[in-house]
Amino acid sequence: MKNILKKASLLTLVFLAFQHVDAQISYGVKAGAGASNTTVIHGISETRFGFTGGGFVEIPLTYKNNLHYLQLEVLYANEGEYSKFTENGKKYKAFLNYINIPVMYKYYFDDQDSDFFIEAGPQVGFLVSKNFDEKGPEIVAGTENKFDLAFNLGVGYSYLRKYEANLRYGYGLSDTYKTFGDSGTGVNRSSLFSLQFAYKF
């Protein structure tokens, strides 16, 4: 009988702990605008402005305070660039669209309801679509990598821990294209600077 009571008590504690953890987890959606380009690929690179948005889950890393969190996101992002590679100076599209999965460490400066926060973490991206002008530069078309690895840094403000806005900069750690020019070599990395707005359910 004692063993049964002990097991029942243990299961109750585990259940209550799980309920506490689940109650602290936040889910939400976010959307915003981004400015992207790619280094050393077209000679003269111009920024592409586009959409970014998706969903996220925010998981507390400690229960002593409300400061440290792990935020997992799934975002759709317009990336790529415009090129002025031709003599007439016409802009040519080299657009790449990704599903990005950032894994962000998030730190709030205070555990009050409204405060600033910083964030940092790696990101893996999966190329889902592309759009190149047919008469644009041919040195990269068809050689884009299907995966992209990046690292993000950001800062933001949370209002009532429900509405948030943040600025984030992500820089590529892997080449966007497999080849560069006739030599097939060269470092070409993508970057994305974005302004995002989030809402927690």
N, C-alpha and C. Protein backbone atom coordinates (compact mmCIF):
# COMPACT_ATOMS: atom_id res chain seq x y z
N MET A 1 0.82 -1.21 0.00
CA MET A 1 0.00 0.00 0.00
C MET A 1 0.86 1.26 0.00
N LYS A 2 1.94 1.23 0.81
CA LYS A 2 2.84 2.38 0.87
C LYS A 2 3.49 2.64 -0.49
N ASN A 3 3.90 1.54 -1.17
CA ASN A 3 4.53 1.68 -2.48
C ASN A 3 3.57 2.30 -3.49
N ILE A 4 2.32 1.88 -3.40
CA ILE A 4 1.30 2.42 -4.30
C ILE A 4 1.12 3.92 -4.06
N LEU A 5 1.09 4.30 -2.77
CA LEU A 5 0.94 5.72 -2.43
C LEU A 5 2.14 6.54 -2.89
N LYS A 6 3.34 5.95 -2.75
CA LYS A 6 4.55 6.64 -3.19
C LYS A 6 4.52 6.87 -4.70
N LYS A 7 4.14 5.81 -5.43
CA LYS A 7 4.08 5.92 -6.89
C LYS A 7 3.01 6.93 -7.32
N ALA A 8 1.89 6.89 -6.62
CA ALA A 8 0.82 7.84 -6.94
C ALA A 8 1.26 9.27 -6.66
N SER A 9 1.97 9.47 -5.56
CA SER A 9 2.47 10.80 -5.22
C SER A 9 3.49 11.28 -6.24
N LEU A 10 4.37 10.37 -6.66
CA LEU A 10 5.38 10.72 -7.65
C LEU A 10 4.74 11.09 -8.98
N LEU A 11 3.76 10.30 -9.41
CA LEU A 11 3.06 10.60 -10.66
C LEU A 11 2.33 11.94 -10.58
N THR A 12 1.78 12.23 -9.42
CA THR A 12 1.09 13.50 -9.23
C THR A 12 2.06 14.67 -9.33
N LEU A 13 3.23 14.53 -8.73
CA LEU A 13 4.25 15.58 -8.79
C LEU A 13 4.73 15.79 -10.23
N VAL A 14 4.95 14.68 -10.94
CA VAL A 14 5.39 14.77 -12.34
C VAL A 14 4.33 15.47 -13.17
N PHE A 15 3.07 15.10 -12.95
CA PHE A 15 1.97 15.71 -13.69
C PHE A 15 1.88 17.20 -13.41
N LEU A 16 1.99 17.57 -12.14
CA LEU A 16 1.92 18.99 -11.78
C LEU A 16 3.09 19.77 -12.36
N ALA A 17 4.28 19.14 -12.36
CA ALA A 17 5.46 19.80 -12.93
C ALA A 17 5.27 20.01 -14.42
N PHE A 18 4.72 18.99 -15.10
CA PHE A 18 4.48 19.11 -16.53
C PHE A 18 3.47 20.21 -16.83
N GLN A 19 2.42 20.26 -16.02
CA GLN A 19 1.41 21.29 -16.19
C GLN A 19 2.01 22.68 -15.99
N HIS A 20 2.93 22.79 -15.03
CA HIS A 20 3.59 24.08 -14.77
C HIS A 20 4.44 24.49 -15.97
N VAL A 21 5.21 23.53 -16.51
CA VAL A 21 6.06 23.82 -17.67
C VAL A 21 5.21 24.22 -18.86
N ASP A 22 4.14 23.45 -19.10
CA ASP A 22 3.28 23.72 -20.24
C ASP A 22 2.62 25.09 -20.11
N ALA A 23 2.28 25.47 -18.89
CA ALA A 23 1.64 26.77 -18.68
C ALA A 23 2.59 27.92 -18.96
N GLN A 24 3.90 27.69 -18.84
CA GLN A 24 4.89 28.74 -19.05
C GLN A 24 5.28 28.89 -20.52
N ILE A 25 4.98 27.89 -21.35
CA ILE A 25 5.33 27.94 -22.76
C ILE A 25 4.37 28.86 -23.50
N SER A 26 4.93 29.73 -24.35
CA SER A 26 4.12 30.67 -25.13
C SER A 26 4.21 30.33 -26.61
N TYR A 27 3.09 30.52 -27.30
CA TYR A 27 3.02 30.33 -28.74
C TYR A 27 2.61 31.64 -29.38
N GLY A 28 3.06 31.86 -30.61
CA GLY A 28 2.70 33.11 -31.25
C GLY A 28 2.98 33.13 -32.73
N VAL A 29 2.65 34.25 -33.34
CA VAL A 29 2.91 34.49 -34.76
C VAL A 29 3.68 35.79 -34.89
N LYS A 30 4.40 35.93 -35.98
CA LYS A 30 5.15 37.15 -36.23
C LYS A 30 5.21 37.42 -37.72
N ALA A 31 5.38 38.69 -38.06
CA ALA A 31 5.49 39.11 -39.45
C ALA A 31 6.26 40.41 -39.51
N GLY A 32 6.85 40.67 -40.67
CA GLY A 32 7.61 41.89 -40.82
C GLY A 32 8.19 42.04 -42.21
N ALA A 33 9.14 42.94 -42.32
CA ALA A 33 9.79 43.22 -43.60
C ALA A 33 11.29 43.06 -43.44
N GLY A 34 11.93 42.64 -44.53
CA GLY A 34 13.37 42.43 -44.48
C GLY A 34 14.08 43.03 -45.68
N ALA A 35 15.37 43.32 -45.49
CA ALA A 35 16.24 43.81 -46.55
C ALA A 35 17.41 42.85 -46.67
N SER A 36 17.60 42.27 -47.86
CA SER A 36 18.63 41.25 -48.03
C SER A 36 19.53 41.55 -49.22
N ASN A 37 20.72 40.98 -49.18
CA ASN A 37 21.62 40.99 -50.33
C ASN A 37 22.61 39.84 -50.20
N THR A 38 23.45 39.69 -51.22
CA THR A 38 24.45 38.63 -51.24
C THR A 38 25.79 39.23 -51.59
N THR A 39 26.83 38.89 -50.85
CA THR A 39 28.14 39.50 -51.06
C THR A 39 28.89 38.85 -52.22
N VAL A 40 29.66 39.64 -52.93
CA VAL A 40 30.65 39.20 -53.92
C VAL A 40 30.08 38.19 -54.90
N ILE A 41 28.95 38.52 -55.52
CA ILE A 41 28.41 37.57 -56.48
C ILE A 41 28.04 38.22 -57.81
N HIS A 42 27.54 39.46 -57.78
CA HIS A 42 27.13 40.11 -59.02
C HIS A 42 27.99 41.32 -59.37
N GLY A 43 28.98 41.62 -58.58
CA GLY A 43 29.78 42.80 -58.82
C GLY A 43 29.20 44.01 -58.13
N ILE A 44 27.97 44.38 -58.50
CA ILE A 44 27.26 45.46 -57.83
C ILE A 44 25.94 44.90 -57.33
N SER A 45 25.81 44.79 -56.05
CA SER A 45 24.63 44.18 -55.45
C SER A 45 23.73 45.25 -54.85
N GLU A 46 22.42 45.12 -55.10
CA GLU A 46 21.45 46.03 -54.51
C GLU A 46 20.46 45.26 -53.67
N THR A 47 19.97 45.90 -52.65
CA THR A 47 19.11 45.26 -51.66
C THR A 47 17.76 44.87 -52.25
N ARG A 48 17.30 43.69 -51.82
CA ARG A 48 15.92 43.29 -52.10
C ARG A 48 15.11 43.45 -50.82
N PHE A 49 13.98 44.13 -50.93
CA PHE A 49 13.07 44.27 -49.80
C PHE A 49 11.94 43.26 -49.96
N GLY A 50 11.60 42.58 -48.86
CA GLY A 50 10.58 41.55 -48.96
C GLY A 50 9.91 41.25 -47.63
N PHE A 51 9.10 40.21 -47.64
CA PHE A 51 8.30 39.81 -46.49
C PHE A 51 8.99 38.71 -45.70
N THR A 52 8.78 38.71 -44.40
CA THR A 52 9.18 37.59 -43.56
C THR A 52 8.11 37.39 -42.50
N GLY A 53 7.80 36.13 -42.19
CA GLY A 53 6.78 35.88 -41.19
C GLY A 53 6.55 34.40 -40.96
N GLY A 54 5.91 34.09 -39.83
CA GLY A 54 5.64 32.70 -39.50
C GLY A 54 5.18 32.55 -38.06
N GLY A 55 5.54 31.43 -37.44
CA GLY A 55 5.13 31.15 -36.07
C GLY A 55 6.31 30.81 -35.19
N PHE A 56 6.07 30.80 -33.87
CA PHE A 56 7.16 30.52 -32.93
C PHE A 56 6.60 29.93 -31.64
N VAL A 57 7.49 29.31 -30.89
CA VAL A 57 7.19 28.85 -29.54
C VAL A 57 8.31 29.35 -28.63
N GLU A 58 7.95 29.90 -27.48
CA GLU A 58 8.91 30.45 -26.52
C GLU A 58 8.90 29.58 -25.26
N ILE A 59 10.06 28.99 -24.95
CA ILE A 59 10.18 28.04 -23.85
C ILE A 59 11.08 28.61 -22.77
N PRO A 60 10.62 28.68 -21.53
CA PRO A 60 11.47 29.21 -20.45
C PRO A 60 12.62 28.26 -20.13
N LEU A 61 13.79 28.82 -19.86
CA LEU A 61 14.96 28.02 -19.51
C LEU A 61 15.16 27.95 -18.00
N THR A 62 14.47 28.79 -17.25
CA THR A 62 14.54 28.77 -15.79
C THR A 62 13.21 29.25 -15.24
N TYR A 63 12.87 28.79 -14.04
CA TYR A 63 11.62 29.19 -13.42
C TYR A 63 11.84 30.07 -12.20
N LYS A 64 13.09 30.47 -11.98
CA LYS A 64 13.39 31.39 -10.89
C LYS A 64 12.99 32.81 -11.25
N ASN A 65 13.03 33.12 -12.55
CA ASN A 65 12.62 34.43 -13.02
C ASN A 65 12.14 34.29 -14.46
N ASN A 66 11.70 35.38 -15.04
CA ASN A 66 11.20 35.38 -16.41
C ASN A 66 12.18 36.08 -17.35
N LEU A 67 13.44 35.67 -17.30
CA LEU A 67 14.48 36.35 -18.05
C LEU A 67 15.02 35.54 -19.22
N HIS A 68 15.20 34.24 -19.04
CA HIS A 68 15.91 33.41 -20.02
C HIS A 68 14.93 32.49 -20.75
N TYR A 69 14.99 32.55 -22.10
CA TYR A 69 14.07 31.75 -22.90
C TYR A 69 14.78 31.17 -24.12
N LEU A 70 14.22 30.08 -24.62
CA LEU A 70 14.61 29.52 -25.91
C LEU A 70 13.43 29.71 -26.85
N GLN A 71 13.67 30.37 -27.97
CA GLN A 71 12.59 30.63 -28.92
C GLN A 71 12.86 29.90 -30.21
N LEU A 72 11.96 29.00 -30.58
CA LEU A 72 12.04 28.23 -31.82
C LEU A 72 11.06 28.81 -32.82
N GLU A 73 11.53 29.08 -34.03
CA GLU A 73 10.69 29.74 -35.03
C GLU A 73 10.69 28.97 -36.35
N VAL A 74 9.63 29.14 -37.10
CA VAL A 74 9.54 28.69 -38.49
C VAL A 74 9.05 29.88 -39.29
N LEU A 75 9.91 30.41 -40.16
CA LEU A 75 9.61 31.65 -40.87
C LEU A 75 9.77 31.48 -42.37
N TYR A 76 8.88 32.09 -43.12
CA TYR A 76 9.06 32.24 -44.56
C TYR A 76 9.74 33.58 -44.80
N ALA A 77 10.75 33.61 -45.67
CA ALA A 77 11.50 34.85 -45.88
C ALA A 77 11.84 35.05 -47.35
N ASN A 78 11.56 36.26 -47.85
CA ASN A 78 12.03 36.68 -49.17
C ASN A 78 13.46 37.15 -49.05
N GLU A 79 14.38 36.50 -49.75
CA GLU A 79 15.78 36.90 -49.73
C GLU A 79 16.30 37.02 -51.15
N GLY A 80 17.61 37.20 -51.29
CA GLY A 80 18.20 37.41 -52.60
C GLY A 80 18.60 38.86 -52.79
N GLU A 81 18.58 39.31 -54.05
CA GLU A 81 19.07 40.66 -54.33
C GLU A 81 18.69 41.10 -55.73
N TYR A 82 18.98 42.36 -56.02
CA TYR A 82 18.98 42.87 -57.38
C TYR A 82 20.43 43.02 -57.82
N SER A 83 20.65 42.93 -59.12
CA SER A 83 22.01 43.09 -59.65
C SER A 83 22.06 44.20 -60.69
N LYS A 84 23.17 44.96 -60.72
CA LYS A 84 23.45 45.93 -61.77
C LYS A 84 24.64 45.45 -62.60
N PHE A 85 24.64 44.18 -62.91
CA PHE A 85 25.80 43.58 -63.57
C PHE A 85 25.95 44.03 -65.02
N THR A 86 24.86 44.42 -65.69
CA THR A 86 24.92 44.76 -67.10
C THR A 86 25.38 46.19 -67.34
N GLU A 87 25.76 46.49 -68.57
CA GLU A 87 26.31 47.80 -68.91
C GLU A 87 25.26 48.91 -68.84
N ASN A 88 24.01 48.60 -69.17
CA ASN A 88 22.99 49.65 -69.15
C ASN A 88 22.48 49.97 -67.75
N GLY A 89 22.97 49.26 -66.76
CA GLY A 89 22.60 49.56 -65.38
C GLY A 89 21.24 49.06 -64.96
N LYS A 90 20.59 48.26 -65.79
CA LYS A 90 19.27 47.73 -65.46
C LYS A 90 19.36 46.75 -64.30
N LYS A 91 18.37 46.81 -63.42
CA LYS A 91 18.33 45.88 -62.30
C LYS A 91 17.81 44.52 -62.77
N TYR A 92 18.52 43.47 -62.39
CA TYR A 92 18.07 42.12 -62.67
C TYR A 92 17.81 41.39 -61.37
N LYS A 93 16.75 40.60 -61.39
CA LYS A 93 16.35 39.89 -60.18
C LYS A 93 17.17 38.62 -59.97
N ALA A 94 17.57 38.41 -58.73
CA ALA A 94 18.14 37.14 -58.30
C ALA A 94 17.49 36.84 -56.95
N PHE A 95 16.22 36.41 -57.01
CA PHE A 95 15.40 36.25 -55.81
C PHE A 95 15.44 34.81 -55.31
N LEU A 96 15.62 34.65 -54.01
CA LEU A 96 15.60 33.35 -53.36
C LEU A 96 14.64 33.43 -52.17
N ASN A 97 13.75 32.45 -52.05
CA ASN A 97 12.78 32.43 -50.96
C ASN A 97 12.99 31.18 -50.11
N TYR A 98 13.03 31.38 -48.80
CA TYR A 98 13.41 30.31 -47.87
C TYR A 98 12.34 30.06 -46.81
N ILE A 99 12.35 28.83 -46.30
CA ILE A 99 11.75 28.52 -45.01
C ILE A 99 12.91 28.45 -44.03
N ASN A 100 12.96 29.41 -43.11
CA ASN A 100 14.05 29.49 -42.13
C ASN A 100 13.59 28.97 -40.77
N ILE A 101 14.51 28.29 -40.08
CA ILE A 101 14.23 27.78 -38.74
C ILE A 101 15.29 28.32 -37.79
N PRO A 102 15.05 29.47 -37.17
CA PRO A 102 15.97 30.01 -36.18
C PRO A 102 15.77 29.34 -34.82
N VAL A 103 16.87 29.14 -34.11
CA VAL A 103 16.85 28.66 -32.73
C VAL A 103 17.52 29.75 -31.90
N MET A 104 16.71 30.56 -31.20
CA MET A 104 17.20 31.77 -30.59
C MET A 104 17.21 31.69 -29.06
N TYR A 105 18.33 32.09 -28.48
CA TYR A 105 18.36 32.36 -27.04
C TYR A 105 17.88 33.79 -26.83
N LYS A 106 16.96 33.95 -25.91
CA LYS A 106 16.31 35.25 -25.71
C LYS A 106 16.45 35.66 -24.25
N TYR A 107 16.94 36.88 -24.03
CA TYR A 107 17.16 37.36 -22.66
C TYR A 107 16.44 38.69 -22.46
N TYR A 108 15.51 38.71 -21.51
CA TYR A 108 14.84 39.95 -21.11
C TYR A 108 15.66 40.62 -20.01
N PHE A 109 15.80 41.93 -20.08
CA PHE A 109 16.61 42.65 -19.11
C PHE A 109 15.98 42.71 -17.73
N ASP A 110 14.69 42.53 -17.65
CA ASP A 110 13.99 42.55 -16.37
C ASP A 110 12.79 41.61 -16.47
N ASP A 111 12.32 41.10 -15.34
CA ASP A 111 11.17 40.20 -15.38
C ASP A 111 9.84 40.93 -15.24
N GLN A 112 9.86 42.23 -15.44
CA GLN A 112 8.61 42.98 -15.46
C GLN A 112 7.88 42.71 -16.78
N ASP A 113 6.62 43.10 -16.85
CA ASP A 113 5.80 42.77 -18.01
C ASP A 113 6.30 43.41 -19.30
N SER A 114 6.81 44.63 -19.23
CA SER A 114 7.26 45.34 -20.42
C SER A 114 8.73 45.71 -20.27
N ASP A 115 9.54 45.27 -21.23
CA ASP A 115 10.97 45.53 -21.13
C ASP A 115 11.66 45.18 -22.44
N PHE A 116 12.93 45.59 -22.55
CA PHE A 116 13.75 45.26 -23.71
C PHE A 116 14.32 43.85 -23.58
N PHE A 117 14.69 43.28 -24.74
CA PHE A 117 15.33 41.97 -24.75
C PHE A 117 16.36 41.91 -25.87
N ILE A 118 17.29 40.99 -25.73
CA ILE A 118 18.25 40.69 -26.79
C ILE A 118 18.11 39.23 -27.17
N GLU A 119 18.58 38.87 -28.36
CA GLU A 119 18.45 37.50 -28.84
C GLU A 119 19.64 37.15 -29.72
N ALA A 120 19.97 35.86 -29.74
CA ALA A 120 21.07 35.38 -30.58
C ALA A 120 20.89 33.89 -30.80
N GLY A 121 21.30 33.44 -32.00
CA GLY A 121 21.21 32.01 -32.24
C GLY A 121 21.40 31.64 -33.70
N PRO A 122 21.63 30.35 -33.97
CA PRO A 122 21.83 29.86 -35.33
C PRO A 122 20.51 29.69 -36.07
N GLN A 123 20.63 29.53 -37.37
CA GLN A 123 19.45 29.36 -38.21
C GLN A 123 19.79 28.50 -39.41
N VAL A 124 18.91 27.58 -39.75
CA VAL A 124 19.05 26.79 -40.97
C VAL A 124 17.91 27.18 -41.91
N GLY A 125 18.23 27.34 -43.18
CA GLY A 125 17.23 27.73 -44.16
C GLY A 125 17.11 26.71 -45.28
N PHE A 126 15.88 26.54 -45.77
CA PHE A 126 15.60 25.61 -46.86
C PHE A 126 15.03 26.39 -48.04
N LEU A 127 15.70 26.34 -49.16
CA LEU A 127 15.25 27.06 -50.35
C LEU A 127 13.97 26.43 -50.89
N VAL A 128 12.92 27.24 -51.04
CA VAL A 128 11.64 26.70 -51.50
C VAL A 128 11.25 27.23 -52.88
N SER A 129 11.79 28.38 -53.29
CA SER A 129 11.50 28.90 -54.62
C SER A 129 12.55 29.93 -55.00
N LYS A 130 12.62 30.24 -56.31
CA LYS A 130 13.61 31.20 -56.81
C LYS A 130 13.03 31.91 -58.02
N ASN A 131 13.59 33.06 -58.34
CA ASN A 131 13.14 33.84 -59.48
C ASN A 131 14.31 34.65 -60.02
N PHE A 132 14.82 34.22 -61.19
CA PHE A 132 15.91 34.92 -61.86
C PHE A 132 15.40 35.48 -63.18
N ASP A 133 15.81 36.71 -63.52
CA ASP A 133 15.51 37.23 -64.84
C ASP A 133 16.27 36.43 -65.88
N GLU A 134 15.59 36.07 -66.97
CA GLU A 134 16.21 35.24 -68.00
C GLU A 134 17.43 35.90 -68.63
N LYS A 135 17.41 37.22 -68.73
CA LYS A 135 18.53 37.94 -69.34
C LYS A 135 19.52 38.45 -68.31
N GLY A 136 19.34 38.05 -67.09
CA GLY A 136 20.23 38.48 -66.03
C GLY A 136 21.53 37.71 -66.04
N PRO A 137 22.38 37.96 -65.06
CA PRO A 137 23.67 37.27 -64.98
C PRO A 137 23.49 35.76 -64.90
N GLU A 138 24.26 35.03 -65.69
CA GLU A 138 24.12 33.58 -65.74
C GLU A 138 25.16 32.87 -64.88
N ILE A 139 25.98 33.64 -64.18
CA ILE A 139 27.05 33.00 -63.41
C ILE A 139 26.53 32.30 -62.17
N VAL A 140 25.30 32.61 -61.75
CA VAL A 140 24.78 31.99 -60.53
C VAL A 140 23.49 31.21 -60.75
N ALA A 141 22.72 31.52 -61.79
CA ALA A 141 21.44 30.86 -62.00
C ALA A 141 21.63 29.35 -62.11
N GLY A 142 20.88 28.61 -61.31
CA GLY A 142 20.96 27.16 -61.33
C GLY A 142 22.02 26.58 -60.42
N THR A 143 22.80 27.42 -59.77
CA THR A 143 23.87 26.93 -58.88
C THR A 143 23.60 27.23 -57.41
N GLU A 144 22.40 27.71 -57.10
CA GLU A 144 22.08 28.06 -55.72
C GLU A 144 22.01 26.80 -54.85
N ASN A 145 22.51 26.93 -53.63
CA ASN A 145 22.45 25.82 -52.67
C ASN A 145 21.04 25.70 -52.11
N LYS A 146 20.64 24.48 -51.82
CA LYS A 146 19.29 24.23 -51.30
C LYS A 146 19.18 24.53 -49.81
N PHE A 147 20.33 24.60 -49.13
CA PHE A 147 20.34 24.86 -47.69
C PHE A 147 21.20 26.08 -47.39
N ASP A 148 20.83 26.79 -46.36
CA ASP A 148 21.58 27.97 -45.95
C ASP A 148 21.73 27.97 -44.43
N LEU A 149 22.93 28.22 -43.97
CA LEU A 149 23.20 28.29 -42.54
C LEU A 149 23.57 29.72 -42.19
N ALA A 150 22.98 30.25 -41.12
CA ALA A 150 23.21 31.64 -40.74
C ALA A 150 23.24 31.78 -39.23
N PHE A 151 23.71 32.95 -38.78
CA PHE A 151 23.68 33.27 -37.35
C PHE A 151 22.98 34.61 -37.19
N ASN A 152 22.07 34.69 -36.21
CA ASN A 152 21.25 35.88 -36.00
C ASN A 152 21.59 36.59 -34.70
N LEU A 153 21.51 37.91 -34.74
CA LEU A 153 21.59 38.76 -33.55
C LEU A 153 20.44 39.76 -33.61
N GLY A 154 19.84 40.04 -32.45
CA GLY A 154 18.72 40.97 -32.48
C GLY A 154 18.47 41.65 -31.16
N VAL A 155 17.65 42.68 -31.22
CA VAL A 155 17.24 43.42 -30.02
C VAL A 155 15.78 43.80 -30.22
N GLY A 156 15.02 43.85 -29.12
CA GLY A 156 13.62 44.17 -29.27
C GLY A 156 13.00 44.68 -27.98
N TYR A 157 11.70 44.94 -28.07
CA TYR A 157 10.94 45.42 -26.91
C TYR A 157 9.65 44.62 -26.79
N SER A 158 9.34 44.22 -25.57
CA SER A 158 8.13 43.46 -25.29
C SER A 158 7.17 44.31 -24.47
N TYR A 159 5.93 44.38 -24.92
CA TYR A 159 4.89 45.10 -24.19
C TYR A 159 3.91 44.09 -23.58
N LEU A 160 3.89 44.02 -22.26
CA LEU A 160 3.03 43.11 -21.52
C LEU A 160 3.34 41.64 -21.82
N ARG A 161 4.52 41.39 -22.33
CA ARG A 161 4.94 40.03 -22.71
C ARG A 161 3.93 39.39 -23.68
N LYS A 162 3.30 40.23 -24.46
CA LYS A 162 2.29 39.76 -25.41
C LYS A 162 2.51 40.33 -26.80
N TYR A 163 2.88 41.61 -26.87
CA TYR A 163 3.16 42.27 -28.14
C TYR A 163 4.64 42.62 -28.17
N GLU A 164 5.32 42.23 -29.25
CA GLU A 164 6.76 42.47 -29.32
C GLU A 164 7.16 42.99 -30.69
N ALA A 165 8.21 43.79 -30.70
CA ALA A 165 8.83 44.27 -31.93
C ALA A 165 10.34 44.09 -31.79
N ASN A 166 10.98 43.66 -32.86
CA ASN A 166 12.43 43.47 -32.78
C ASN A 166 13.11 43.72 -34.11
N LEU A 167 14.36 44.13 -34.01
CA LEU A 167 15.25 44.26 -35.16
C LEU A 167 16.22 43.09 -35.11
N ARG A 168 16.41 42.42 -36.25
CA ARG A 168 17.28 41.24 -36.29
C ARG A 168 18.18 41.30 -37.53
N TYR A 169 19.44 40.94 -37.31
CA TYR A 169 20.38 40.84 -38.42
C TYR A 169 20.91 39.41 -38.49
N GLY A 170 20.79 38.81 -39.66
CA GLY A 170 21.30 37.47 -39.87
C GLY A 170 22.34 37.45 -40.97
N TYR A 171 23.47 36.80 -40.70
CA TYR A 171 24.55 36.73 -41.69
C TYR A 171 24.85 35.27 -42.01
N GLY A 172 24.97 34.97 -43.30
CA GLY A 172 25.19 33.61 -43.75
C GLY A 172 26.55 33.05 -43.35
N LEU A 173 26.54 31.80 -42.91
CA LEU A 173 27.78 31.09 -42.57
C LEU A 173 28.17 30.12 -43.67
N SER A 174 27.32 29.96 -44.67
CA SER A 174 27.60 29.08 -45.80
C SER A 174 27.36 29.83 -47.10
N ASP A 175 27.97 29.37 -48.18
CA ASP A 175 27.81 30.02 -49.47
C ASP A 175 26.38 29.87 -49.99
N THR A 176 25.86 30.94 -50.57
CA THR A 176 24.53 30.90 -51.15
C THR A 176 24.53 30.16 -52.48
N TYR A 177 25.62 30.30 -53.24
CA TYR A 177 25.75 29.64 -54.54
C TYR A 177 26.95 28.70 -54.54
N LYS A 178 26.83 27.63 -55.32
CA LYS A 178 27.88 26.62 -55.36
C LYS A 178 29.11 27.10 -56.11
N THR A 179 28.92 27.91 -57.14
CA THR A 179 30.04 28.37 -57.95
C THR A 179 30.04 29.88 -58.03
N PHE A 180 31.19 30.42 -58.37
CA PHE A 180 31.32 31.87 -58.50
C PHE A 180 32.21 32.17 -59.70
N GLY A 181 31.60 32.74 -60.76
CA GLY A 181 32.37 33.10 -61.94
C GLY A 181 32.90 31.88 -62.67
N ASP A 182 33.87 32.10 -63.54
CA ASP A 182 34.46 31.02 -64.32
C ASP A 182 35.32 30.11 -63.48
N SER A 183 35.85 30.62 -62.39
CA SER A 183 36.76 29.82 -61.58
C SER A 183 36.04 28.82 -60.69
N GLY A 184 34.73 29.05 -60.46
CA GLY A 184 33.98 28.16 -59.59
C GLY A 184 34.33 28.31 -58.13
N THR A 185 34.99 29.40 -57.78
CA THR A 185 35.37 29.62 -56.38
C THR A 185 34.89 30.99 -55.93
N GLY A 186 35.01 31.25 -54.67
CA GLY A 186 34.63 32.55 -54.13
C GLY A 186 33.65 32.42 -52.99
N VAL A 187 33.73 33.37 -52.06
CA VAL A 187 32.83 33.38 -50.92
C VAL A 187 31.65 34.27 -51.25
N ASN A 188 30.45 33.74 -51.18
CA ASN A 188 29.24 34.54 -51.41
C ASN A 188 28.23 34.22 -50.33
N ARG A 189 28.03 35.17 -49.43
CA ARG A 189 27.18 34.96 -48.27
C ARG A 189 25.99 35.92 -48.31
N SER A 190 24.85 35.42 -47.87
CA SER A 190 23.65 36.25 -47.82
C SER A 190 23.47 36.86 -46.43
N SER A 191 22.81 37.99 -46.40
CA SER A 191 22.48 38.63 -45.13
C SER A 191 21.05 39.14 -45.19
N LEU A 192 20.41 39.21 -44.03
CA LEU A 192 19.03 39.68 -43.96
C LEU A 192 18.86 40.54 -42.71
N PHE A 193 18.46 41.78 -42.93
CA PHE A 193 18.14 42.69 -41.82
C PHE A 193 16.63 42.88 -41.82
N SER A 194 15.99 42.57 -40.69
CA SER A 194 14.53 42.58 -40.67
C SER A 194 13.96 43.29 -39.45
N LEU A 195 12.78 43.84 -39.65
CA LEU A 195 11.96 44.40 -38.58
C LEU A 195 10.74 43.50 -38.44
N GLN A 196 10.55 42.93 -37.24
CA GLN A 196 9.50 41.95 -37.03
C GLN A 196 8.57 42.37 -35.90
N PHE A 197 7.31 42.02 -36.06
CA PHE A 197 6.31 42.26 -35.02
C PHE A 197 5.68 40.93 -34.64
N ALA A 198 5.57 40.68 -33.33
CA ALA A 198 5.09 39.39 -32.85
C ALA A 198 3.90 39.56 -31.92
N TYR A 199 3.05 38.53 -31.94
CA TYR A 199 1.90 38.48 -31.03
C TYR A 199 1.86 37.10 -30.38
N LYS A 200 1.82 37.06 -29.06
CA LYS A 200 1.74 35.80 -28.31
C LYS A 200 0.29 35.52 -27.94
N PHE A 201 -0.11 34.29 -28.15
CA PHE A 201 -1.49 33.90 -27.83
C PHE A 201 -1.69 33.78 -26.32
